[in-house]
Amino acid sequence: MVQHGTTPPDDAPARRGRTTGTVALVAALGLSVALGLAACTPSSGSSSKDSGSGTWEVGTCGGPDSANGPDSYRRLDCDSHGATFKALEIAPAGILPGSIQCPAGTDLMIRVSVSYGSSSKDKKNSGIPTHTVCGRNLSGDHPGDPGAGGGQLVKGDCISASAQEVACSSAGSSAFKVLDLVKEKEQCPAGTTEPMELTLSVGRPYDVICTSAA
């Protein structure tokens, strides 16, 4: 039994409108779930062979598994020299792109699947998804924190006019602050001035980004 990890990106286009409902633009949404930009951020399209023993649980640690590729991970003891992250949450498999929303502070996501057979080459690129590991770095580097510019989009993040996540510290005057992520524009909280309506994506937990000027 071999486990693999992948995390699909969320690429839904966004329509930005004011609270009056006026559509101001159509933009491509890339919610910074670019899970392969760095070792500490979730990696899009990664495929990891998990050679550790036991099962992933909240509090379980892991780290890179260089023997099986640059985007591979395995379970490790938290005091192990190679451990780089700890599991904050064990979420469903999330077969549909963008269907899993990890908690705030998640720096790395690994969708774990299980394969059976003797060919390691076949195992690396296939399998039955079983769950998603939402991990937080053991180091002080946390791109998934609200406003830090990495990880999944969460309340407190900043985005550009084209709905691209940016670090709030360097966002500039044209950026917007994410106040909430909801299904309907009417659910946006007070203070929302720029609700960005996303095109339909089956399985995504929200369809509107409620924002205000950053």
N, C-alpha and C. Protein backbone atom coordinates (compact mmCIF):
# COMPACT_ATOMS: atom_id res chain seq x y z
N MET A 1 0.85 -1.19 0.00
CA MET A 1 0.00 0.00 0.00
C MET A 1 0.88 1.23 0.00
N VAL A 2 0.69 2.09 -0.95
CA VAL A 2 1.48 3.31 -1.08
C VAL A 2 0.54 4.50 -1.14
N GLN A 3 0.88 5.57 -0.45
CA GLN A 3 0.05 6.76 -0.42
C GLN A 3 0.69 7.86 -1.25
N HIS A 4 -0.15 8.66 -1.89
CA HIS A 4 0.31 9.76 -2.72
C HIS A 4 -0.38 11.04 -2.26
N GLY A 5 0.20 12.19 -2.58
CA GLY A 5 -0.44 13.45 -2.21
C GLY A 5 -0.49 14.42 -3.37
N THR A 6 -1.66 14.97 -3.62
CA THR A 6 -1.80 16.03 -4.62
C THR A 6 -2.77 17.06 -4.10
N THR A 7 -2.63 18.30 -4.55
CA THR A 7 -3.57 19.35 -4.19
C THR A 7 -3.94 20.12 -5.43
N PRO A 8 -5.21 20.03 -5.88
CA PRO A 8 -5.63 20.75 -7.08
C PRO A 8 -5.81 22.23 -6.81
N PRO A 9 -5.48 23.09 -7.77
CA PRO A 9 -5.67 24.53 -7.59
C PRO A 9 -7.11 24.93 -7.83
N ASP A 10 -7.49 26.12 -7.36
CA ASP A 10 -8.81 26.67 -7.59
C ASP A 10 -8.66 27.82 -8.57
N ASP A 11 -9.13 27.64 -9.82
CA ASP A 11 -8.89 28.64 -10.85
C ASP A 11 -10.17 29.33 -11.32
N ALA A 12 -11.20 29.40 -10.49
CA ALA A 12 -12.47 29.96 -10.93
C ALA A 12 -12.36 31.44 -11.23
N PRO A 13 -12.91 31.90 -12.37
CA PRO A 13 -12.93 33.33 -12.66
C PRO A 13 -13.80 34.08 -11.66
N ALA A 14 -13.50 35.35 -11.45
CA ALA A 14 -14.27 36.14 -10.49
C ALA A 14 -14.91 37.33 -11.19
N ARG A 15 -16.12 37.68 -10.74
CA ARG A 15 -16.77 38.90 -11.20
C ARG A 15 -16.82 39.85 -10.02
N ARG A 16 -16.23 41.04 -10.15
CA ARG A 16 -16.19 41.97 -9.03
C ARG A 16 -17.28 43.00 -9.19
N GLY A 17 -18.11 43.18 -8.14
CA GLY A 17 -19.15 44.19 -8.18
C GLY A 17 -19.26 44.91 -6.87
N ARG A 18 -19.77 46.10 -6.88
CA ARG A 18 -20.00 46.81 -5.61
C ARG A 18 -21.26 46.23 -4.97
N THR A 19 -21.57 46.71 -3.77
CA THR A 19 -22.71 46.18 -3.05
C THR A 19 -24.02 46.45 -3.78
N THR A 20 -24.00 47.33 -4.76
CA THR A 20 -25.19 47.57 -5.55
C THR A 20 -25.42 46.45 -6.55
N GLY A 21 -24.42 45.58 -6.72
CA GLY A 21 -24.56 44.46 -7.64
C GLY A 21 -23.96 44.76 -9.00
N THR A 22 -23.41 45.95 -9.20
CA THR A 22 -22.82 46.30 -10.48
C THR A 22 -21.56 45.47 -10.70
N VAL A 23 -21.50 44.81 -11.85
CA VAL A 23 -20.31 44.02 -12.16
C VAL A 23 -19.24 44.95 -12.72
N ALA A 24 -18.07 44.98 -12.08
CA ALA A 24 -17.03 45.92 -12.49
C ALA A 24 -16.00 45.28 -13.40
N LEU A 25 -15.75 43.98 -13.24
CA LEU A 25 -14.77 43.35 -14.10
C LEU A 25 -14.92 41.84 -14.05
N VAL A 26 -14.28 41.18 -15.00
CA VAL A 26 -14.18 39.73 -14.98
C VAL A 26 -12.70 39.42 -14.92
N ALA A 27 -12.31 38.64 -13.91
CA ALA A 27 -10.89 38.38 -13.71
C ALA A 27 -10.65 36.93 -13.38
N ALA A 28 -9.49 36.46 -13.71
CA ALA A 28 -9.14 35.07 -13.38
C ALA A 28 -8.75 35.02 -11.92
N LEU A 29 -9.30 34.02 -11.21
CA LEU A 29 -9.01 33.89 -9.79
C LEU A 29 -7.94 32.84 -9.59
N GLY A 30 -6.84 33.22 -8.97
CA GLY A 30 -5.80 32.26 -8.61
C GLY A 30 -5.56 32.43 -7.13
N LEU A 31 -6.22 31.68 -6.29
CA LEU A 31 -6.28 31.95 -4.86
C LEU A 31 -5.00 31.58 -4.12
N SER A 32 -3.89 31.60 -4.82
CA SER A 32 -2.61 31.36 -4.19
C SER A 32 -2.55 30.01 -3.53
N VAL A 33 -3.28 29.03 -4.07
CA VAL A 33 -3.10 27.67 -3.60
C VAL A 33 -2.02 27.09 -4.50
N ALA A 34 -1.00 27.85 -4.73
CA ALA A 34 0.09 27.44 -5.61
C ALA A 34 1.01 26.61 -4.77
N LEU A 35 0.63 25.36 -4.60
CA LEU A 35 1.23 24.53 -3.59
C LEU A 35 2.62 24.02 -3.95
N GLY A 36 3.31 24.62 -4.86
CA GLY A 36 4.65 24.16 -5.17
C GLY A 36 5.63 25.31 -5.33
N LEU A 37 5.25 26.50 -4.94
CA LEU A 37 6.11 27.66 -5.12
C LEU A 37 7.33 27.59 -4.21
N ALA A 38 7.15 26.96 -3.05
CA ALA A 38 8.27 26.80 -2.12
C ALA A 38 7.99 25.59 -1.26
N ALA A 39 9.02 25.11 -0.56
CA ALA A 39 8.85 23.90 0.24
C ALA A 39 7.84 24.09 1.35
N CYS A 40 7.62 25.33 1.77
CA CYS A 40 6.73 25.57 2.90
C CYS A 40 5.31 25.89 2.48
N THR A 41 5.03 25.97 1.18
CA THR A 41 3.68 26.28 0.74
C THR A 41 3.05 25.08 0.08
N PRO A 42 1.68 25.00 0.08
CA PRO A 42 1.03 23.88 -0.54
C PRO A 42 1.42 23.77 -2.00
N SER A 43 1.48 22.55 -2.56
CA SER A 43 1.98 22.39 -3.92
C SER A 43 0.94 21.87 -4.88
N SER A 44 0.72 22.61 -5.95
CA SER A 44 -0.24 22.22 -6.96
C SER A 44 0.30 21.10 -7.80
N GLY A 45 -0.46 20.02 -7.91
CA GLY A 45 -0.06 18.93 -8.76
C GLY A 45 1.06 18.09 -8.20
N SER A 46 1.40 18.24 -6.91
CA SER A 46 2.46 17.42 -6.34
C SER A 46 1.99 15.98 -6.24
N SER A 47 2.93 15.06 -6.28
CA SER A 47 2.61 13.64 -6.15
C SER A 47 3.61 13.04 -5.19
N SER A 48 3.15 12.65 -4.00
CA SER A 48 4.10 12.20 -3.00
C SER A 48 3.85 10.77 -2.58
N LYS A 49 4.92 10.02 -2.54
CA LYS A 49 4.87 8.64 -2.05
C LYS A 49 5.14 8.67 -0.56
N ASP A 50 4.21 8.22 0.23
CA ASP A 50 4.33 8.25 1.67
C ASP A 50 4.89 6.92 2.15
N SER A 51 6.16 6.92 2.57
CA SER A 51 6.79 5.68 2.98
C SER A 51 6.81 5.49 4.49
N GLY A 52 6.15 6.42 5.22
CA GLY A 52 6.10 6.30 6.67
C GLY A 52 5.11 5.24 7.11
N SER A 53 5.08 4.97 8.40
CA SER A 53 4.14 3.99 8.94
C SER A 53 3.07 4.70 9.75
N GLY A 54 1.96 4.01 10.00
CA GLY A 54 0.87 4.60 10.77
C GLY A 54 -0.04 5.43 9.90
N THR A 55 -0.95 6.17 10.56
CA THR A 55 -1.91 6.98 9.83
C THR A 55 -1.75 8.45 10.20
N TRP A 56 -2.18 9.33 9.29
CA TRP A 56 -2.13 10.76 9.56
C TRP A 56 -3.23 11.12 10.55
N GLU A 57 -2.88 11.85 11.59
CA GLU A 57 -3.82 12.34 12.58
C GLU A 57 -3.45 13.78 12.93
N VAL A 58 -4.38 14.49 13.55
CA VAL A 58 -4.07 15.85 14.01
C VAL A 58 -2.90 15.76 14.99
N GLY A 59 -1.88 16.55 14.76
CA GLY A 59 -0.68 16.51 15.60
C GLY A 59 0.43 15.67 15.04
N THR A 60 0.13 14.85 14.01
CA THR A 60 1.16 14.07 13.34
C THR A 60 2.09 15.00 12.58
N CYS A 61 3.37 14.69 12.54
CA CYS A 61 4.32 15.50 11.79
C CYS A 61 4.80 14.78 10.54
N GLY A 62 5.36 15.54 9.64
CA GLY A 62 5.88 14.98 8.40
C GLY A 62 6.95 15.87 7.82
N GLY A 63 7.52 15.39 6.73
CA GLY A 63 8.57 16.16 6.07
C GLY A 63 8.81 15.66 4.67
N PRO A 64 9.69 16.30 3.92
CA PRO A 64 9.98 15.90 2.54
C PRO A 64 10.50 14.48 2.48
N ASP A 65 10.13 13.78 1.42
CA ASP A 65 10.60 12.42 1.17
C ASP A 65 11.39 12.46 -0.14
N SER A 66 12.64 12.90 -0.05
CA SER A 66 13.46 13.12 -1.25
C SER A 66 13.68 11.87 -2.07
N ALA A 67 13.57 10.71 -1.46
CA ALA A 67 13.78 9.46 -2.19
C ALA A 67 12.70 9.24 -3.23
N ASN A 68 11.56 9.92 -3.09
CA ASN A 68 10.44 9.71 -4.01
C ASN A 68 10.06 10.97 -4.78
N GLY A 69 10.96 11.95 -4.83
CA GLY A 69 10.68 13.13 -5.64
C GLY A 69 10.68 14.41 -4.82
N PRO A 70 10.85 15.56 -5.46
CA PRO A 70 10.95 16.85 -4.76
C PRO A 70 9.66 17.29 -4.09
N ASP A 71 8.50 16.78 -4.53
CA ASP A 71 7.22 17.17 -3.94
C ASP A 71 6.62 16.03 -3.12
N SER A 72 7.45 15.12 -2.64
CA SER A 72 6.99 13.98 -1.87
C SER A 72 7.15 14.23 -0.38
N TYR A 73 6.24 13.65 0.39
CA TYR A 73 6.25 13.83 1.84
C TYR A 73 6.00 12.48 2.52
N ARG A 74 6.42 12.39 3.77
CA ARG A 74 6.14 11.18 4.55
C ARG A 74 5.95 11.55 6.02
N ARG A 75 5.30 10.68 6.76
CA ARG A 75 5.10 10.89 8.20
C ARG A 75 6.42 10.69 8.93
N LEU A 76 6.67 11.55 9.92
CA LEU A 76 7.88 11.48 10.73
C LEU A 76 7.53 11.83 12.17
N ASP A 77 8.37 11.40 13.10
CA ASP A 77 8.21 11.85 14.48
C ASP A 77 8.45 13.36 14.53
N CYS A 78 7.71 14.05 15.38
CA CYS A 78 7.81 15.51 15.42
C CYS A 78 9.20 16.00 15.84
N ASP A 79 9.94 15.15 16.58
CA ASP A 79 11.29 15.55 16.98
C ASP A 79 12.35 15.04 16.02
N SER A 80 11.91 14.47 14.89
CA SER A 80 12.85 13.99 13.88
C SER A 80 13.52 15.16 13.18
N HIS A 81 14.77 14.98 12.78
CA HIS A 81 15.52 16.05 12.11
C HIS A 81 14.85 16.47 10.80
N GLY A 82 14.18 15.56 10.12
CA GLY A 82 13.58 15.87 8.84
C GLY A 82 12.16 16.39 8.90
N ALA A 83 11.57 16.46 10.09
CA ALA A 83 10.18 16.94 10.21
C ALA A 83 10.11 18.43 9.95
N THR A 84 9.17 18.84 9.08
CA THR A 84 9.04 20.25 8.73
C THR A 84 7.65 20.82 8.99
N PHE A 85 6.64 19.96 9.20
CA PHE A 85 5.29 20.47 9.43
C PHE A 85 4.51 19.52 10.34
N LYS A 86 3.42 20.08 10.90
CA LYS A 86 2.53 19.31 11.76
C LYS A 86 1.11 19.41 11.22
N ALA A 87 0.35 18.33 11.29
CA ALA A 87 -1.01 18.31 10.77
C ALA A 87 -1.95 19.08 11.69
N LEU A 88 -2.58 20.14 11.15
CA LEU A 88 -3.58 20.91 11.89
C LEU A 88 -4.93 20.24 11.83
N GLU A 89 -5.21 19.63 10.68
CA GLU A 89 -6.52 19.01 10.46
C GLU A 89 -6.38 17.91 9.41
N ILE A 90 -7.17 16.87 9.55
CA ILE A 90 -7.26 15.82 8.54
C ILE A 90 -8.63 15.97 7.90
N ALA A 91 -8.65 16.44 6.66
CA ALA A 91 -9.89 16.74 5.95
C ALA A 91 -10.24 15.62 4.97
N PRO A 92 -11.44 15.65 4.39
CA PRO A 92 -11.82 14.65 3.38
C PRO A 92 -10.87 14.69 2.18
N ALA A 93 -11.01 13.73 1.29
CA ALA A 93 -10.10 13.60 0.16
C ALA A 93 -10.16 14.78 -0.79
N GLY A 94 -11.35 15.35 -1.00
CA GLY A 94 -11.47 16.49 -1.90
C GLY A 94 -11.17 16.16 -3.34
N ILE A 95 -11.92 15.25 -3.92
CA ILE A 95 -11.71 14.85 -5.31
C ILE A 95 -11.95 16.03 -6.25
N LEU A 96 -12.97 16.84 -5.95
CA LEU A 96 -13.28 18.00 -6.80
C LEU A 96 -12.31 19.14 -6.49
N PRO A 97 -11.78 19.81 -7.52
CA PRO A 97 -10.85 20.93 -7.32
C PRO A 97 -11.47 22.02 -6.45
N GLY A 98 -10.73 22.46 -5.45
CA GLY A 98 -11.18 23.56 -4.61
C GLY A 98 -12.25 23.19 -3.60
N SER A 99 -12.54 21.91 -3.42
CA SER A 99 -13.63 21.52 -2.54
C SER A 99 -13.22 21.46 -1.07
N ILE A 100 -11.94 21.47 -0.79
CA ILE A 100 -11.46 21.40 0.59
C ILE A 100 -10.91 22.76 1.02
N GLN A 101 -11.40 23.26 2.13
CA GLN A 101 -10.90 24.50 2.69
C GLN A 101 -10.25 24.18 4.03
N CYS A 102 -8.94 24.23 4.08
CA CYS A 102 -8.21 23.97 5.32
C CYS A 102 -8.33 25.16 6.26
N PRO A 103 -8.07 24.97 7.55
CA PRO A 103 -8.19 26.09 8.50
C PRO A 103 -7.13 27.16 8.27
N ALA A 104 -7.40 28.35 8.76
CA ALA A 104 -6.42 29.44 8.68
C ALA A 104 -5.12 29.00 9.34
N GLY A 105 -4.01 29.40 8.76
CA GLY A 105 -2.72 29.00 9.29
C GLY A 105 -2.13 27.78 8.61
N THR A 106 -2.88 27.20 7.67
CA THR A 106 -2.37 26.04 6.93
C THR A 106 -1.32 26.50 5.92
N ASP A 107 -0.11 25.98 6.04
CA ASP A 107 0.97 26.34 5.13
C ASP A 107 1.14 25.33 4.00
N LEU A 108 0.68 24.11 4.21
CA LEU A 108 0.89 23.05 3.24
C LEU A 108 -0.28 22.09 3.24
N MET A 109 -0.70 21.71 2.04
CA MET A 109 -1.80 20.74 1.89
C MET A 109 -1.31 19.53 1.09
N ILE A 110 -1.64 18.35 1.56
CA ILE A 110 -1.30 17.13 0.84
C ILE A 110 -2.55 16.27 0.74
N ARG A 111 -2.99 16.03 -0.48
CA ARG A 111 -4.11 15.11 -0.67
C ARG A 111 -3.53 13.71 -0.75
N VAL A 112 -3.90 12.88 0.17
CA VAL A 112 -3.32 11.54 0.27
C VAL A 112 -4.23 10.53 -0.42
N SER A 113 -3.64 9.66 -1.19
CA SER A 113 -4.37 8.58 -1.85
C SER A 113 -3.63 7.28 -1.62
N VAL A 114 -4.29 6.19 -1.84
CA VAL A 114 -3.68 4.88 -1.63
C VAL A 114 -3.73 4.09 -2.92
N SER A 115 -2.62 3.42 -3.23
CA SER A 115 -2.52 2.60 -4.43
C SER A 115 -2.10 1.19 -4.05
N TYR A 116 -2.46 0.24 -4.86
CA TYR A 116 -2.08 -1.14 -4.64
C TYR A 116 -1.39 -1.65 -5.89
N GLY A 117 -0.39 -2.47 -5.74
CA GLY A 117 0.33 -3.02 -6.89
C GLY A 117 1.81 -3.02 -6.63
N SER A 118 2.58 -3.52 -7.59
CA SER A 118 4.01 -3.69 -7.38
C SER A 118 4.86 -2.67 -8.12
N SER A 119 4.27 -1.92 -9.05
CA SER A 119 5.05 -0.97 -9.85
C SER A 119 5.06 0.40 -9.18
N SER A 120 6.22 0.82 -8.69
CA SER A 120 6.31 2.12 -8.01
C SER A 120 6.04 3.26 -8.97
N LYS A 121 6.37 3.09 -10.26
CA LYS A 121 6.11 4.13 -11.24
C LYS A 121 4.63 4.37 -11.40
N ASP A 122 3.85 3.27 -11.44
CA ASP A 122 2.40 3.41 -11.55
C ASP A 122 1.81 3.99 -10.28
N LYS A 123 2.34 3.61 -9.12
CA LYS A 123 1.82 4.07 -7.84
C LYS A 123 1.98 5.58 -7.68
N LYS A 124 3.06 6.12 -8.20
CA LYS A 124 3.37 7.53 -7.97
C LYS A 124 2.36 8.46 -8.61
N ASN A 125 1.72 8.02 -9.68
CA ASN A 125 0.84 8.91 -10.42
C ASN A 125 -0.62 8.50 -10.41
N SER A 126 -1.00 7.56 -9.55
CA SER A 126 -2.38 7.12 -9.50
C SER A 126 -2.72 6.73 -8.08
N GLY A 127 -3.98 6.47 -7.83
CA GLY A 127 -4.41 6.04 -6.51
C GLY A 127 -5.81 6.52 -6.20
N ILE A 128 -6.34 6.00 -5.12
CA ILE A 128 -7.68 6.37 -4.66
C ILE A 128 -7.53 7.40 -3.55
N PRO A 129 -8.00 8.64 -3.75
CA PRO A 129 -7.88 9.66 -2.70
C PRO A 129 -8.58 9.22 -1.42
N THR A 130 -7.93 9.44 -0.29
CA THR A 130 -8.50 9.04 1.00
C THR A 130 -8.73 10.23 1.94
N HIS A 131 -7.82 11.18 1.97
CA HIS A 131 -7.98 12.34 2.84
C HIS A 131 -6.97 13.42 2.46
N THR A 132 -7.14 14.59 3.07
CA THR A 132 -6.24 15.72 2.85
C THR A 132 -5.60 16.11 4.18
N VAL A 133 -4.29 16.27 4.18
CA VAL A 133 -3.56 16.71 5.37
C VAL A 133 -3.35 18.23 5.27
N CYS A 134 -3.87 18.96 6.25
CA CYS A 134 -3.66 20.40 6.34
C CYS A 134 -2.52 20.63 7.33
N GLY A 135 -1.36 21.03 6.84
CA GLY A 135 -0.19 21.14 7.70
C GLY A 135 0.28 22.55 7.96
N ARG A 136 0.91 22.73 9.10
CA ARG A 136 1.50 24.03 9.47
C ARG A 136 2.99 23.82 9.72
N ASN A 137 3.80 24.73 9.17
CA ASN A 137 5.25 24.61 9.31
C ASN A 137 5.69 24.60 10.76
N LEU A 138 6.70 23.80 11.06
CA LEU A 138 7.29 23.80 12.38
C LEU A 138 8.24 24.98 12.56
N SER A 139 8.68 25.56 11.45
CA SER A 139 9.54 26.74 11.51
C SER A 139 8.68 27.99 11.74
N GLY A 140 9.33 29.14 11.79
CA GLY A 140 8.60 30.39 11.98
C GLY A 140 8.06 30.97 10.70
N ASP A 141 8.24 30.28 9.58
CA ASP A 141 7.78 30.75 8.28
C ASP A 141 6.37 30.24 8.03
N HIS A 142 5.38 31.15 8.03
CA HIS A 142 3.98 30.74 7.90
C HIS A 142 3.26 31.53 6.81
N PRO A 143 3.46 31.16 5.55
CA PRO A 143 2.78 31.86 4.45
C PRO A 143 1.28 31.69 4.47
N GLY A 144 0.77 30.71 5.20
CA GLY A 144 -0.67 30.48 5.26
C GLY A 144 -1.40 31.35 6.26
N ASP A 145 -0.66 32.10 7.09
CA ASP A 145 -1.32 32.98 8.05
C ASP A 145 -2.10 34.08 7.32
N PRO A 146 -3.22 34.55 7.89
CA PRO A 146 -3.99 35.62 7.26
C PRO A 146 -3.12 36.83 6.94
N GLY A 147 -3.16 37.23 5.67
CA GLY A 147 -2.42 38.40 5.25
C GLY A 147 -1.00 38.14 4.78
N ALA A 148 -0.51 36.91 4.96
CA ALA A 148 0.89 36.62 4.63
C ALA A 148 1.12 36.40 3.14
N GLY A 149 0.04 36.15 2.38
CA GLY A 149 0.18 36.04 0.94
C GLY A 149 0.30 34.65 0.38
N GLY A 150 0.18 33.61 1.21
CA GLY A 150 0.29 32.24 0.73
C GLY A 150 -0.83 31.37 1.27
N GLY A 151 -0.78 30.09 0.93
CA GLY A 151 -1.82 29.16 1.38
C GLY A 151 -3.14 29.41 0.68
N GLN A 152 -4.21 28.89 1.25
CA GLN A 152 -5.53 29.14 0.68
C GLN A 152 -6.02 30.52 1.10
N LEU A 153 -7.00 31.02 0.35
CA LEU A 153 -7.58 32.31 0.68
C LEU A 153 -8.41 32.18 1.95
N VAL A 154 -8.19 33.06 2.92
CA VAL A 154 -8.93 33.06 4.18
C VAL A 154 -9.26 34.49 4.57
N LYS A 155 -10.14 34.65 5.53
CA LYS A 155 -10.46 35.98 6.05
C LYS A 155 -9.18 36.63 6.59
N GLY A 156 -8.99 37.90 6.24
CA GLY A 156 -7.79 38.61 6.67
C GLY A 156 -6.71 38.68 5.61
N ASP A 157 -6.87 37.91 4.52
CA ASP A 157 -5.93 37.98 3.41
C ASP A 157 -6.17 39.25 2.59
N CYS A 158 -5.24 39.55 1.70
CA CYS A 158 -5.40 40.65 0.75
C CYS A 158 -5.35 40.11 -0.66
N ILE A 159 -6.10 40.73 -1.56
CA ILE A 159 -6.10 40.32 -2.96
C ILE A 159 -6.01 41.56 -3.86
N SER A 160 -5.54 41.34 -5.08
CA SER A 160 -5.46 42.42 -6.05
C SER A 160 -6.82 42.61 -6.70
N ALA A 161 -6.91 43.59 -7.59
CA ALA A 161 -8.16 43.85 -8.30
C ALA A 161 -8.56 42.69 -9.19
N SER A 162 -7.59 41.85 -9.56
CA SER A 162 -7.88 40.67 -10.37
C SER A 162 -8.04 39.42 -9.51
N ALA A 163 -8.24 39.62 -8.20
CA ALA A 163 -8.51 38.54 -7.25
C ALA A 163 -7.34 37.61 -7.03
N GLN A 164 -6.11 38.11 -7.23
CA GLN A 164 -4.92 37.33 -6.92
C GLN A 164 -4.48 37.65 -5.50
N GLU A 165 -4.20 36.63 -4.70
CA GLU A 165 -3.76 36.86 -3.33
C GLU A 165 -2.38 37.50 -3.31
N VAL A 166 -2.23 38.51 -2.45
CA VAL A 166 -0.95 39.21 -2.28
C VAL A 166 -0.72 39.40 -0.78
N ALA A 167 0.52 39.55 -0.40
CA ALA A 167 0.85 39.82 0.99
C ALA A 167 0.34 41.21 1.37
N CYS A 168 -0.37 41.31 2.48
CA CYS A 168 -0.95 42.60 2.87
C CYS A 168 0.13 43.66 3.11
N SER A 169 1.30 43.25 3.56
CA SER A 169 2.37 44.19 3.87
C SER A 169 2.89 44.91 2.64
N SER A 170 2.70 44.30 1.47
CA SER A 170 3.19 44.92 0.23
C SER A 170 2.08 45.06 -0.80
N ALA A 171 0.83 45.07 -0.34
CA ALA A 171 -0.31 45.03 -1.26
C ALA A 171 -0.50 46.32 -2.04
N GLY A 172 -0.24 47.45 -1.44
CA GLY A 172 -0.45 48.72 -2.12
C GLY A 172 -1.89 49.20 -1.98
N SER A 173 -2.13 50.42 -2.42
CA SER A 173 -3.43 51.06 -2.23
C SER A 173 -4.54 50.48 -3.10
N SER A 174 -4.17 49.74 -4.14
CA SER A 174 -5.19 49.18 -5.03
C SER A 174 -5.68 47.81 -4.60
N ALA A 175 -5.16 47.29 -3.51
CA ALA A 175 -5.53 45.96 -3.04
C ALA A 175 -6.81 45.99 -2.20
N PHE A 176 -7.35 44.81 -1.94
CA PHE A 176 -8.56 44.68 -1.16
C PHE A 176 -8.35 43.68 -0.03
N LYS A 177 -9.02 43.92 1.09
CA LYS A 177 -8.93 43.05 2.27
C LYS A 177 -10.11 42.08 2.25
N VAL A 178 -9.84 40.81 2.47
CA VAL A 178 -10.89 39.80 2.49
C VAL A 178 -11.58 39.82 3.86
N LEU A 179 -12.89 40.14 3.85
CA LEU A 179 -13.66 40.19 5.09
C LEU A 179 -14.36 38.87 5.38
N ASP A 180 -14.70 38.14 4.32
CA ASP A 180 -15.37 36.85 4.51
C ASP A 180 -15.43 36.12 3.17
N LEU A 181 -15.73 34.83 3.23
CA LEU A 181 -15.92 33.98 2.06
C LEU A 181 -17.27 33.31 2.21
N VAL A 182 -18.23 33.65 1.35
CA VAL A 182 -19.61 33.22 1.54
C VAL A 182 -20.19 32.65 0.24
N LYS A 183 -21.38 32.10 0.34
CA LYS A 183 -22.06 31.54 -0.83
C LYS A 183 -22.85 32.59 -1.61
N GLU A 184 -23.47 33.53 -0.91
CA GLU A 184 -24.30 34.55 -1.54
C GLU A 184 -23.80 35.94 -1.16
N LYS A 185 -23.87 36.88 -2.10
CA LYS A 185 -23.40 38.24 -1.86
C LYS A 185 -24.11 38.89 -0.68
N GLU A 186 -25.39 38.54 -0.50
CA GLU A 186 -26.17 39.12 0.60
C GLU A 186 -25.64 38.69 1.98
N GLN A 187 -24.82 37.66 2.02
CA GLN A 187 -24.26 37.18 3.29
C GLN A 187 -23.00 37.92 3.70
N CYS A 188 -22.51 38.82 2.86
CA CYS A 188 -21.29 39.56 3.17
C CYS A 188 -21.52 40.44 4.40
N PRO A 189 -20.50 40.58 5.25
CA PRO A 189 -20.65 41.37 6.47
C PRO A 189 -20.67 42.87 6.20
N ALA A 190 -21.07 43.62 7.21
CA ALA A 190 -21.05 45.08 7.12
C ALA A 190 -19.63 45.54 6.85
N GLY A 191 -19.49 46.56 6.03
CA GLY A 191 -18.17 47.05 5.67
C GLY A 191 -17.69 46.56 4.31
N THR A 192 -18.42 45.58 3.75
CA THR A 192 -18.07 45.08 2.43
C THR A 192 -18.38 46.13 1.37
N THR A 193 -17.39 46.48 0.58
CA THR A 193 -17.61 47.45 -0.50
C THR A 193 -17.39 46.85 -1.88
N GLU A 194 -16.67 45.74 -1.96
CA GLU A 194 -16.36 45.13 -3.24
C GLU A 194 -16.57 43.60 -3.18
N PRO A 195 -17.82 43.14 -3.22
CA PRO A 195 -18.04 41.69 -3.25
C PRO A 195 -17.64 41.12 -4.61
N MET A 196 -16.77 40.16 -4.63
CA MET A 196 -16.31 39.55 -5.88
C MET A 196 -17.01 38.21 -6.07
N GLU A 197 -17.88 38.15 -7.06
CA GLU A 197 -18.65 36.94 -7.32
C GLU A 197 -17.87 36.02 -8.25
N LEU A 198 -17.72 34.77 -7.86
CA LEU A 198 -16.94 33.81 -8.62
C LEU A 198 -17.84 33.01 -9.56
N THR A 199 -17.28 32.56 -10.65
CA THR A 199 -18.05 31.68 -11.53
C THR A 199 -18.24 30.34 -10.83
N LEU A 200 -19.24 29.60 -11.27
CA LEU A 200 -19.62 28.36 -10.62
C LEU A 200 -18.48 27.35 -10.61
N SER A 201 -18.24 26.76 -9.45
CA SER A 201 -17.26 25.68 -9.31
C SER A 201 -17.84 24.66 -8.35
N VAL A 202 -18.20 23.50 -8.86
CA VAL A 202 -18.83 22.47 -8.04
C VAL A 202 -17.89 22.05 -6.91
N GLY A 203 -18.41 22.07 -5.69
CA GLY A 203 -17.63 21.61 -4.54
C GLY A 203 -16.92 22.70 -3.77
N ARG A 204 -16.72 23.90 -4.37
CA ARG A 204 -16.05 24.96 -3.65
C ARG A 204 -16.95 25.44 -2.51
N PRO A 205 -16.41 25.64 -1.31
CA PRO A 205 -17.25 26.02 -0.16
C PRO A 205 -17.76 27.45 -0.17
N TYR A 206 -17.32 28.29 -1.11
CA TYR A 206 -17.82 29.67 -1.18
C TYR A 206 -17.86 30.10 -2.64
N ASP A 207 -18.71 31.09 -2.93
CA ASP A 207 -18.85 31.61 -4.29
C ASP A 207 -18.64 33.12 -4.38
N VAL A 208 -18.49 33.77 -3.22
CA VAL A 208 -18.31 35.23 -3.19
C VAL A 208 -17.19 35.57 -2.21
N ILE A 209 -16.28 36.46 -2.65
CA ILE A 209 -15.25 36.99 -1.77
C ILE A 209 -15.70 38.38 -1.34
N CYS A 210 -15.98 38.55 -0.06
CA CYS A 210 -16.39 39.85 0.47
C CYS A 210 -15.16 40.66 0.81
N THR A 211 -14.99 41.82 0.15
CA THR A 211 -13.78 42.61 0.37
C THR A 211 -14.10 44.08 0.61
N SER A 212 -13.10 44.77 1.12
CA SER A 212 -13.14 46.22 1.25
C SER A 212 -11.75 46.73 0.91
N ALA A 213 -11.61 48.01 0.75
CA ALA A 213 -10.30 48.58 0.44
C ALA A 213 -9.31 48.25 1.55
N ALA A 214 -8.13 47.80 1.14
CA ALA A 214 -7.12 47.45 2.12
C ALA A 214 -6.48 48.68 2.72
